[in-house]
Amino acid sequence: MKITNNEVAQKLIDYLYHRITLKELVNWAETMMMEAEFDSVNFDTIRDIITRLGLADVKAFGITLEDCEEFLNRLGYYMKVTVQERLVSV
């Protein structure tokens, strides 16, 4: 299985949109470190990000919104945050 920038970015996007939990993101990253082959074009970037994601559940390392933004930038994406007022029904 060859991992590309797009696949790593999609996992980060899934995490940011709460489609997967931090635990699922970390488990995926740990599995990819052991089993996957990284795209040779961006090998260092993909390896660095996946390594960091594999440690995201350790309190000393964690993962911030800024980290996600940096990772996405390195993968060729940019992050745009939209905040909307939550409407409360009465």
PDB file of N, CA and C in Angstrom:
ATOM      1  N   MET A   1       0.845  -1.170   0.000  1.00  0.00           N
ATOM      2  CA  MET A   1       0.000   0.000   0.000  1.00  0.00           C
ATOM      3  C   MET A   1       0.895   1.240   0.000  1.00  0.00           C
ATOM      4  N   LYS A   2       0.744   2.094  -0.997  1.00  0.00           N
ATOM      5  CA  LYS A   2       1.549   3.297  -1.106  1.00  0.00           C
ATOM      6  C   LYS A   2       0.731   4.495  -0.621  1.00  0.00           C
ATOM      7  N   ILE A   3       1.277   5.230   0.346  1.00  0.00           N
ATOM      8  CA  ILE A   3       0.599   6.385   0.934  1.00  0.00           C
ATOM      9  C   ILE A   3       1.059   7.658   0.229  1.00  0.00           C
ATOM     10  N   THR A   4       0.098   8.487  -0.164  1.00  0.00           N
ATOM     11  CA  THR A   4       0.390   9.739  -0.861  1.00  0.00           C
ATOM     12  C   THR A   4       0.007  10.942   0.005  1.00  0.00           C
ATOM     13  N   ASN A   5       0.397  12.122  -0.453  1.00  0.00           N
ATOM     14  CA  ASN A   5       0.000  13.366   0.216  1.00  0.00           C
ATOM     15  C   ASN A   5      -1.510  13.439   0.406  1.00  0.00           C
ATOM     16  N   ASN A   6      -2.239  13.069  -0.642  1.00  0.00           N
ATOM     17  CA  ASN A   6      -3.702  13.170  -0.596  1.00  0.00           C
ATOM     18  C   ASN A   6      -4.307  12.299   0.495  1.00  0.00           C
ATOM     19  N   GLU A   7      -3.776  11.111   0.669  1.00  0.00           N
ATOM     20  CA  GLU A   7      -4.315  10.210   1.693  1.00  0.00           C
ATOM     21  C   GLU A   7      -4.037  10.734   3.103  1.00  0.00           C
ATOM     22  N   VAL A   8      -2.859  11.273   3.314  1.00  0.00           N
ATOM     23  CA  VAL A   8      -2.535  11.839   4.622  1.00  0.00           C
ATOM     24  C   VAL A   8      -3.400  13.070   4.881  1.00  0.00           C
ATOM     25  N   ALA A   9      -3.529  13.923   3.872  1.00  0.00           N
ATOM     26  CA  ALA A   9      -4.370  15.119   4.007  1.00  0.00           C
ATOM     27  C   ALA A   9      -5.817  14.730   4.309  1.00  0.00           C
ATOM     28  N   GLN A  10      -6.326  13.704   3.641  1.00  0.00           N
ATOM     29  CA  GLN A  10      -7.712  13.292   3.870  1.00  0.00           C
ATOM     30  C   GLN A  10      -7.928  12.805   5.299  1.00  0.00           C
ATOM     31  N   LYS A  11      -6.953  12.106   5.857  1.00  0.00           N
ATOM     32  CA  LYS A  11      -7.071  11.672   7.263  1.00  0.00           C
ATOM     33  C   LYS A  11      -7.108  12.878   8.192  1.00  0.00           C
ATOM     34  N   LEU A  12      -6.272  13.867   7.934  1.00  0.00           N
ATOM     35  CA  LEU A  12      -6.300  15.088   8.744  1.00  0.00           C
ATOM     36  C   LEU A  12      -7.636  15.805   8.610  1.00  0.00           C
ATOM     37  N   ILE A  13      -8.152  15.873   7.406  1.00  0.00           N
ATOM     38  CA  ILE A  13      -9.451  16.510   7.162  1.00  0.00           C
ATOM     39  C   ILE A  13     -10.545  15.749   7.891  1.00  0.00           C
ATOM     40  N   ASP A  14     -10.508  14.431   7.814  1.00  0.00           N
ATOM     41  CA  ASP A  14     -11.501  13.620   8.530  1.00  0.00           C
ATOM     42  C   ASP A  14     -11.446  13.888  10.031  1.00  0.00           C
ATOM     43  N   TYR A  15     -10.242  14.029  10.563  1.00  0.00           N
ATOM     44  CA  TYR A  15     -10.089  14.329  11.989  1.00  0.00           C
ATOM     45  C   TYR A  15     -10.640  15.724  12.311  1.00  0.00           C
ATOM     46  N   LEU A  16     -10.311  16.708  11.504  1.00  0.00           N
ATOM     47  CA  LEU A  16     -10.772  18.082  11.754  1.00  0.00           C
ATOM     48  C   LEU A  16     -12.291  18.210  11.668  1.00  0.00           C
ATOM     49  N   TYR A  17     -12.905  17.416  10.812  1.00  0.00           N
ATOM     50  CA  TYR A  17     -14.364  17.424  10.676  1.00  0.00           C
ATOM     51  C   TYR A  17     -15.049  16.436  11.632  1.00  0.00           C
ATOM     52  N   HIS A  18     -14.287  15.865  12.534  1.00  0.00           N
ATOM     53  CA  HIS A  18     -14.801  14.921  13.537  1.00  0.00           C
ATOM     54  C   HIS A  18     -15.418  13.674  12.915  1.00  0.00           C
ATOM     55  N   ARG A  19     -14.928  13.279  11.761  1.00  0.00           N
ATOM     56  CA  ARG A  19     -15.370  12.027  11.145  1.00  0.00           C
ATOM     57  C   ARG A  19     -14.628  10.846  11.754  1.00  0.00           C
ATOM     58  N   ILE A  20     -13.409  11.128  12.281  1.00  0.00           N
ATOM     59  CA  ILE A  20     -12.652  10.119  13.004  1.00  0.00           C
ATOM     60  C   ILE A  20     -12.147  10.751  14.299  1.00  0.00           C
ATOM     61  N   THR A  21     -11.894   9.918  15.272  1.00  0.00           N
ATOM     62  CA  THR A  21     -11.407  10.402  16.562  1.00  0.00           C
ATOM     63  C   THR A  21      -9.879  10.525  16.533  1.00  0.00           C
ATOM     64  N   LEU A  22      -9.355  11.157  17.564  1.00  0.00           N
ATOM     65  CA  LEU A  22      -7.900  11.238  17.700  1.00  0.00           C
ATOM     66  C   LEU A  22      -7.320   9.835  17.785  1.00  0.00           C
ATOM     67  N   LYS A  23      -7.966   8.975  18.531  1.00  0.00           N
ATOM     68  CA  LYS A  23      -7.490   7.591  18.671  1.00  0.00           C
ATOM     69  C   LYS A  23      -7.440   6.892  17.313  1.00  0.00           C
ATOM     70  N   GLU A  24      -8.454   7.089  16.491  1.00  0.00           N
ATOM     71  CA  GLU A  24      -8.473   6.478  15.157  1.00  0.00           C
ATOM     72  C   GLU A  24      -7.368   7.051  14.270  1.00  0.00           C
ATOM     73  N   LEU A  25      -7.131   8.357  14.377  1.00  0.00           N
ATOM     74  CA  LEU A  25      -6.059   8.985  13.609  1.00  0.00           C
ATOM     75  C   LEU A  25      -4.700   8.428  14.021  1.00  0.00           C
ATOM     76  N   VAL A  26      -4.486   8.320  15.315  1.00  0.00           N
ATOM     77  CA  VAL A  26      -3.232   7.785  15.840  1.00  0.00           C
ATOM     78  C   VAL A  26      -3.056   6.323  15.423  1.00  0.00           C
ATOM     79  N   ASN A  27      -4.092   5.522  15.558  1.00  0.00           N
ATOM     80  CA  ASN A  27      -4.014   4.111  15.158  1.00  0.00           C
ATOM     81  C   ASN A  27      -3.690   3.970  13.678  1.00  0.00           C
ATOM     82  N   TRP A  28      -4.331   4.801  12.857  1.00  0.00           N
ATOM     83  CA  TRP A  28      -4.050   4.781  11.415  1.00  0.00           C
ATOM     84  C   TRP A  28      -2.583   5.110  11.163  1.00  0.00           C
ATOM     85  N   ALA A  29      -2.092   6.172  11.798  1.00  0.00           N
ATOM     86  CA  ALA A  29      -0.704   6.595  11.602  1.00  0.00           C
ATOM     87  C   ALA A  29       0.270   5.502  12.045  1.00  0.00           C
ATOM     88  N   GLU A  30       0.000   4.887  13.188  1.00  0.00           N
ATOM     89  CA  GLU A  30       0.873   3.810  13.672  1.00  0.00           C
ATOM     90  C   GLU A  30       0.888   2.635  12.709  1.00  0.00           C
ATOM     91  N   THR A  31      -0.257   2.289  12.180  1.00  0.00           N
ATOM     92  CA  THR A  31      -0.353   1.199  11.209  1.00  0.00           C
ATOM     93  C   THR A  31       0.414   1.539   9.934  1.00  0.00           C
ATOM     94  N   MET A  32       0.266   2.783   9.476  1.00  0.00           N
ATOM     95  CA  MET A  32       0.956   3.198   8.258  1.00  0.00           C
ATOM     96  C   MET A  32       2.474   3.170   8.449  1.00  0.00           C
ATOM     97  N   MET A  33       2.950   3.533   9.631  1.00  0.00           N
ATOM     98  CA  MET A  33       4.390   3.502   9.894  1.00  0.00           C
ATOM     99  C   MET A  33       4.940   2.078   9.808  1.00  0.00           C
ATOM    100  N   MET A  34       4.136   1.118  10.220  1.00  0.00           N
ATOM    101  CA  MET A  34       4.597  -0.272  10.222  1.00  0.00           C
ATOM    102  C   MET A  34       4.399  -0.974   8.886  1.00  0.00           C
ATOM    103  N   GLU A  35       3.312  -0.645   8.174  1.00  0.00           N
ATOM    104  CA  GLU A  35       2.922  -1.458   7.030  1.00  0.00           C
ATOM    105  C   GLU A  35       2.982  -0.781   5.671  1.00  0.00           C
ATOM    106  N   ALA A  36       2.907   0.528   5.629  1.00  0.00           N
ATOM    107  CA  ALA A  36       2.751   1.218   4.345  1.00  0.00           C
ATOM    108  C   ALA A  36       4.088   1.617   3.740  1.00  0.00           C
ATOM    109  N   GLU A  37       4.024   1.815   2.452  1.00  0.00           N
ATOM    110  CA  GLU A  37       5.148   2.369   1.706  1.00  0.00           C
ATOM    111  C   GLU A  37       4.751   3.811   1.376  1.00  0.00           C
ATOM    112  N   PHE A  38       5.669   4.740   1.585  1.00  0.00           N
ATOM    113  CA  PHE A  38       5.359   6.148   1.346  1.00  0.00           C
ATOM    114  C   PHE A  38       5.747   6.532  -0.078  1.00  0.00           C
ATOM    115  N   ASP A  39       4.921   7.378  -0.682  1.00  0.00           N
ATOM    116  CA  ASP A  39       5.190   7.894  -2.016  1.00  0.00           C
ATOM    117  C   ASP A  39       6.593   8.491  -2.040  1.00  0.00           C
ATOM    118  N   SER A  40       7.404   8.083  -2.989  1.00  0.00           N
ATOM    119  CA  SER A  40       8.806   8.523  -3.027  1.00  0.00           C
ATOM    120  C   SER A  40       8.963   9.998  -3.354  1.00  0.00           C
ATOM    121  N   VAL A  41       7.979  10.587  -4.018  1.00  0.00           N
ATOM    122  CA  VAL A  41       8.058  12.002  -4.384  1.00  0.00           C
ATOM    123  C   VAL A  41       8.109  12.892  -3.139  1.00  0.00           C
ATOM    124  N   ASN A  42       7.330  12.585  -2.138  1.00  0.00           N
ATOM    125  CA  ASN A  42       7.277  13.379  -0.906  1.00  0.00           C
ATOM    126  C   ASN A  42       7.545  12.520   0.321  1.00  0.00           C
ATOM    127  N   PHE A  43       8.461  11.603   0.180  1.00  0.00           N
ATOM    128  CA  PHE A  43       8.732  10.629   1.230  1.00  0.00           C
ATOM    129  C   PHE A  43       8.986  11.286   2.587  1.00  0.00           C
ATOM    130  N   ASP A  44       9.892  12.256   2.645  1.00  0.00           N
ATOM    131  CA  ASP A  44      10.257  12.874   3.926  1.00  0.00           C
ATOM    132  C   ASP A  44       9.073  13.574   4.579  1.00  0.00           C
ATOM    133  N   THR A  45       8.311  14.305   3.797  1.00  0.00           N
ATOM    134  CA  THR A  45       7.149  15.025   4.332  1.00  0.00           C
ATOM    135  C   THR A  45       6.124  14.054   4.879  1.00  0.00           C
ATOM    136  N   ILE A  46       5.776  13.046   4.107  1.00  0.00           N
ATOM    137  CA  ILE A  46       4.779  12.060   4.531  1.00  0.00           C
ATOM    138  C   ILE A  46       5.255  11.320   5.778  1.00  0.00           C
ATOM    139  N   ARG A  47       6.506  10.870   5.778  1.00  0.00           N
ATOM    140  CA  ARG A  47       7.057  10.158   6.933  1.00  0.00           C
ATOM    141  C   ARG A  47       7.037  11.039   8.183  1.00  0.00           C
ATOM    142  N   ASP A  48       7.467  12.291   8.050  1.00  0.00           N
ATOM    143  CA  ASP A  48       7.508  13.197   9.197  1.00  0.00           C
ATOM    144  C   ASP A  48       6.125  13.427   9.787  1.00  0.00           C
ATOM    145  N   ILE A  49       5.149  13.659   8.921  1.00  0.00           N
ATOM    146  CA  ILE A  49       3.786  13.939   9.397  1.00  0.00           C
ATOM    147  C   ILE A  49       3.166  12.698  10.026  1.00  0.00           C
ATOM    148  N   ILE A  50       3.293  11.562   9.380  1.00  0.00           N
ATOM    149  CA  ILE A  50       2.705  10.337   9.932  1.00  0.00           C
ATOM    150  C   ILE A  50       3.377   9.972  11.260  1.00  0.00           C
ATOM    151  N   THR A  51       4.680  10.175  11.349  1.00  0.00           N
ATOM    152  CA  THR A  51       5.374   9.917  12.618  1.00  0.00           C
ATOM    153  C   THR A  51       4.807  10.797  13.718  1.00  0.00           C
ATOM    154  N   ARG A  52       4.612  12.057  13.414  1.00  0.00           N
ATOM    155  CA  ARG A  52       4.071  13.013  14.395  1.00  0.00           C
ATOM    156  C   ARG A  52       2.637  12.650  14.773  1.00  0.00           C
ATOM    157  N   LEU A  53       1.828  12.247  13.806  1.00  0.00           N
ATOM    158  CA  LEU A  53       0.441  11.857  14.092  1.00  0.00           C
ATOM    159  C   LEU A  53       0.395  10.612  14.965  1.00  0.00           C
ATOM    160  N   GLY A  54       1.351   9.726  14.808  1.00  0.00           N
ATOM    161  CA  GLY A  54       1.406   8.516  15.622  1.00  0.00           C
ATOM    162  C   GLY A  54       1.658   8.799  17.091  1.00  0.00           C
ATOM    163  N   LEU A  55       2.164   9.985  17.403  1.00  0.00           N
ATOM    164  CA  LEU A  55       2.435  10.380  18.788  1.00  0.00           C
ATOM    165  C   LEU A  55       1.401  11.355  19.341  1.00  0.00           C
ATOM    166  N   ALA A  56       0.390  11.667  18.562  1.00  0.00           N
ATOM    167  CA  ALA A  56      -0.562  12.720  18.926  1.00  0.00           C
ATOM    168  C   ALA A  56      -1.384  12.415  20.169  1.00  0.00           C
ATOM    169  N   ASP A  57      -1.439  11.164  20.582  1.00  0.00           N
ATOM    170  CA  ASP A  57      -2.214  10.830  21.781  1.00  0.00           C
ATOM    171  C   ASP A  57      -1.369  10.881  23.053  1.00  0.00           C
ATOM    172  N   VAL A  58      -0.097  11.224  22.919  1.00  0.00           N
ATOM    173  CA  VAL A  58       0.790  11.373  24.072  1.00  0.00           C
ATOM    174  C   VAL A  58       0.724  12.833  24.505  1.00  0.00           C
ATOM    175  N   LYS A  59       0.430  13.057  25.770  1.00  0.00           N
ATOM    176  CA  LYS A  59       0.208  14.418  26.263  1.00  0.00           C
ATOM    177  C   LYS A  59       1.357  15.366  25.933  1.00  0.00           C
ATOM    178  N   ALA A  60       2.577  14.899  26.032  1.00  0.00           N
ATOM    179  CA  ALA A  60       3.735  15.754  25.766  1.00  0.00           C
ATOM    180  C   ALA A  60       3.823  16.200  24.305  1.00  0.00           C
ATOM    181  N   PHE A  61       3.188  15.449  23.407  1.00  0.00           N
ATOM    182  CA  PHE A  61       3.250  15.791  21.984  1.00  0.00           C
ATOM    183  C   PHE A  61       1.946  16.427  21.517  1.00  0.00           C
ATOM    184  N   GLY A  62       0.827  15.760  21.739  1.00  0.00           N
ATOM    185  CA  GLY A  62      -0.470  16.303  21.352  1.00  0.00           C
ATOM    186  C   GLY A  62      -0.520  16.716  19.892  1.00  0.00           C
ATOM    187  N   ILE A  63      -1.616  17.373  19.534  1.00  0.00           N
ATOM    188  CA  ILE A  63      -1.766  17.914  18.182  1.00  0.00           C
ATOM    189  C   ILE A  63      -2.687  19.126  18.290  1.00  0.00           C
ATOM    190  N   THR A  64      -2.254  20.222  17.743  1.00  0.00           N
ATOM    191  CA  THR A  64      -3.028  21.460  17.802  1.00  0.00           C
ATOM    192  C   THR A  64      -3.607  21.774  16.434  1.00  0.00           C
ATOM    193  N   LEU A  65      -4.495  22.739  16.413  1.00  0.00           N
ATOM    194  CA  LEU A  65      -5.048  23.211  15.152  1.00  0.00           C
ATOM    195  C   LEU A  65      -3.921  23.763  14.272  1.00  0.00           C
ATOM    196  N   GLU A  66      -2.976  24.445  14.899  1.00  0.00           N
ATOM    197  CA  GLU A  66      -1.833  24.986  14.159  1.00  0.00           C
ATOM    198  C   GLU A  66      -0.982  23.868  13.555  1.00  0.00           C
ATOM    199  N   ASP A  67      -0.841  22.775  14.291  1.00  0.00           N
ATOM    200  CA  ASP A  67      -0.111  21.622  13.756  1.00  0.00           C
ATOM    201  C   ASP A  67      -0.814  21.095  12.503  1.00  0.00           C
ATOM    202  N   CYS A  68      -2.125  20.942  12.587  1.00  0.00           N
ATOM    203  CA  CYS A  68      -2.896  20.446  11.440  1.00  0.00           C
ATOM    204  C   CYS A  68      -2.742  21.379  10.246  1.00  0.00           C
ATOM    205  N   GLU A  69      -2.781  22.679  10.509  1.00  0.00           N
ATOM    206  CA  GLU A  69      -2.620  23.653   9.431  1.00  0.00           C
ATOM    207  C   GLU A  69      -1.238  23.521   8.788  1.00  0.00           C
ATOM    208  N   GLU A  70      -0.211  23.395   9.604  1.00  0.00           N
ATOM    209  CA  GLU A  70       1.151  23.234   9.084  1.00  0.00           C
ATOM    210  C   GLU A  70       1.270  21.950   8.260  1.00  0.00           C
ATOM    211  N   PHE A  71       0.733  20.851   8.789  1.00  0.00           N
ATOM    212  CA  PHE A  71       0.794  19.576   8.066  1.00  0.00           C
ATOM    213  C   PHE A  71       0.105  19.692   6.712  1.00  0.00           C
ATOM    214  N   LEU A  72      -1.093  20.273   6.707  1.00  0.00           N
ATOM    215  CA  LEU A  72      -1.831  20.419   5.453  1.00  0.00           C
ATOM    216  C   LEU A  72      -1.060  21.297   4.467  1.00  0.00           C
ATOM    217  N   ASN A  73      -0.452  22.369   4.960  1.00  0.00           N
ATOM    218  CA  ASN A  73       0.363  23.223   4.084  1.00  0.00           C
ATOM    219  C   ASN A  73       1.506  22.439   3.469  1.00  0.00           C
ATOM    220  N   ARG A  74       2.173  21.641   4.262  1.00  0.00           N
ATOM    221  CA  ARG A  74       3.288  20.836   3.761  1.00  0.00           C
ATOM    222  C   ARG A  74       2.830  19.810   2.724  1.00  0.00           C
ATOM    223  N   LEU A  75       1.566  19.397   2.826  1.00  0.00           N
ATOM    224  CA  LEU A  75       1.009  18.415   1.896  1.00  0.00           C
ATOM    225  C   LEU A  75       0.404  19.063   0.650  1.00  0.00           C
ATOM    226  N   GLY A  76       0.450  20.404   0.594  1.00  0.00           N
ATOM    227  CA  GLY A  76      -0.064  21.106  -0.586  1.00  0.00           C
ATOM    228  C   GLY A  76      -1.490  21.592  -0.449  1.00  0.00           C
ATOM    229  N   TYR A  77      -1.981  21.709   0.768  1.00  0.00           N
ATOM    230  CA  TYR A  77      -3.343  22.171   1.027  1.00  0.00           C
ATOM    231  C   TYR A  77      -3.282  23.421   1.899  1.00  0.00           C
ATOM    232  N   TYR A  78      -4.373  24.138   1.963  1.00  0.00           N
ATOM    233  CA  TYR A  78      -4.474  25.212   2.943  1.00  0.00           C
ATOM    234  C   TYR A  78      -5.754  25.017   3.723  1.00  0.00           C
ATOM    235  N   MET A  79      -5.769  25.570   4.904  1.00  0.00           N
ATOM    236  CA  MET A  79      -6.907  25.385   5.791  1.00  0.00           C
ATOM    237  C   MET A  79      -7.649  26.701   5.921  1.00  0.00           C
ATOM    238  N   LYS A  80      -8.952  26.642   5.826  1.00  0.00           N
ATOM    239  CA  LYS A  80      -9.807  27.803   5.982  1.00  0.00           C
ATOM    240  C   LYS A  80     -10.848  27.446   7.044  1.00  0.00           C
ATOM    241  N   VAL A  81     -10.918  28.252   8.089  1.00  0.00           N
ATOM    242  CA  VAL A  81     -11.838  27.976   9.187  1.00  0.00           C
ATOM    243  C   VAL A  81     -13.053  28.879   9.055  1.00  0.00           C
ATOM    244  N   THR A  82     -14.228  28.306   9.210  1.00  0.00           N
ATOM    245  CA  THR A  82     -15.468  29.066   9.195  1.00  0.00           C
ATOM    246  C   THR A  82     -16.178  28.821  10.523  1.00  0.00           C
ATOM    247  N   VAL A  83     -16.593  29.899  11.148  1.00  0.00           N
ATOM    248  CA  VAL A  83     -17.314  29.798  12.405  1.00  0.00           C
ATOM    249  C   VAL A  83     -18.697  30.405  12.202  1.00  0.00           C
ATOM    250  N   GLN A  84     -19.702  29.670  12.625  1.00  0.00           N
ATOM    251  CA  GLN A  84     -21.080  30.141  12.485  1.00  0.00           C
ATOM    252  C   GLN A  84     -21.768  30.073  13.828  1.00  0.00           C
ATOM    253  N   GLU A  85     -22.690  30.992  14.012  1.00  0.00           N
ATOM    254  CA  GLU A  85     -23.490  30.977  15.244  1.00  0.00           C
ATOM    255  C   GLU A  85     -24.408  29.764  15.220  1.00  0.00           C
ATOM    256  N   ARG A  86     -24.462  29.091  16.331  1.00  0.00           N
ATOM    257  CA  ARG A  86     -25.345  27.936  16.440  1.00  0.00           C
ATOM    258  C   ARG A  86     -26.732  28.452  16.794  1.00  0.00           C
ATOM    259  N   LEU A  87     -27.689  28.071  16.018  1.00  0.00           N
ATOM    260  CA  LEU A  87     -29.070  28.485  16.271  1.00  0.00           C
ATOM    261  C   LEU A  87     -29.706  27.521  17.263  1.00  0.00           C
ATOM    262  N   VAL A  88     -30.241  28.064  18.306  1.00  0.00           N
ATOM    263  CA  VAL A  88     -30.882  27.249  19.339  1.00  0.00           C
ATOM    264  C   VAL A  88     -32.375  27.338  19.134  1.00  0.00           C
ATOM    265  N   SER A  89     -33.017  26.200  18.992  1.00  0.00           N
ATOM    266  CA  SER A  89     -34.471  26.206  18.823  1.00  0.00           C
ATOM    267  C   SER A  89     -35.130  26.343  20.190  1.00  0.00           C
ATOM    268  N   VAL A  90     -36.218  27.081  20.218  1.00  0.00           N
ATOM    269  CA  VAL A  90     -36.913  27.356  21.469  1.00  0.00           C
ATOM    270  C   VAL A  90     -38.104  26.449  21.623  1.00  0.00           C
TER     271      VAL A  90
END
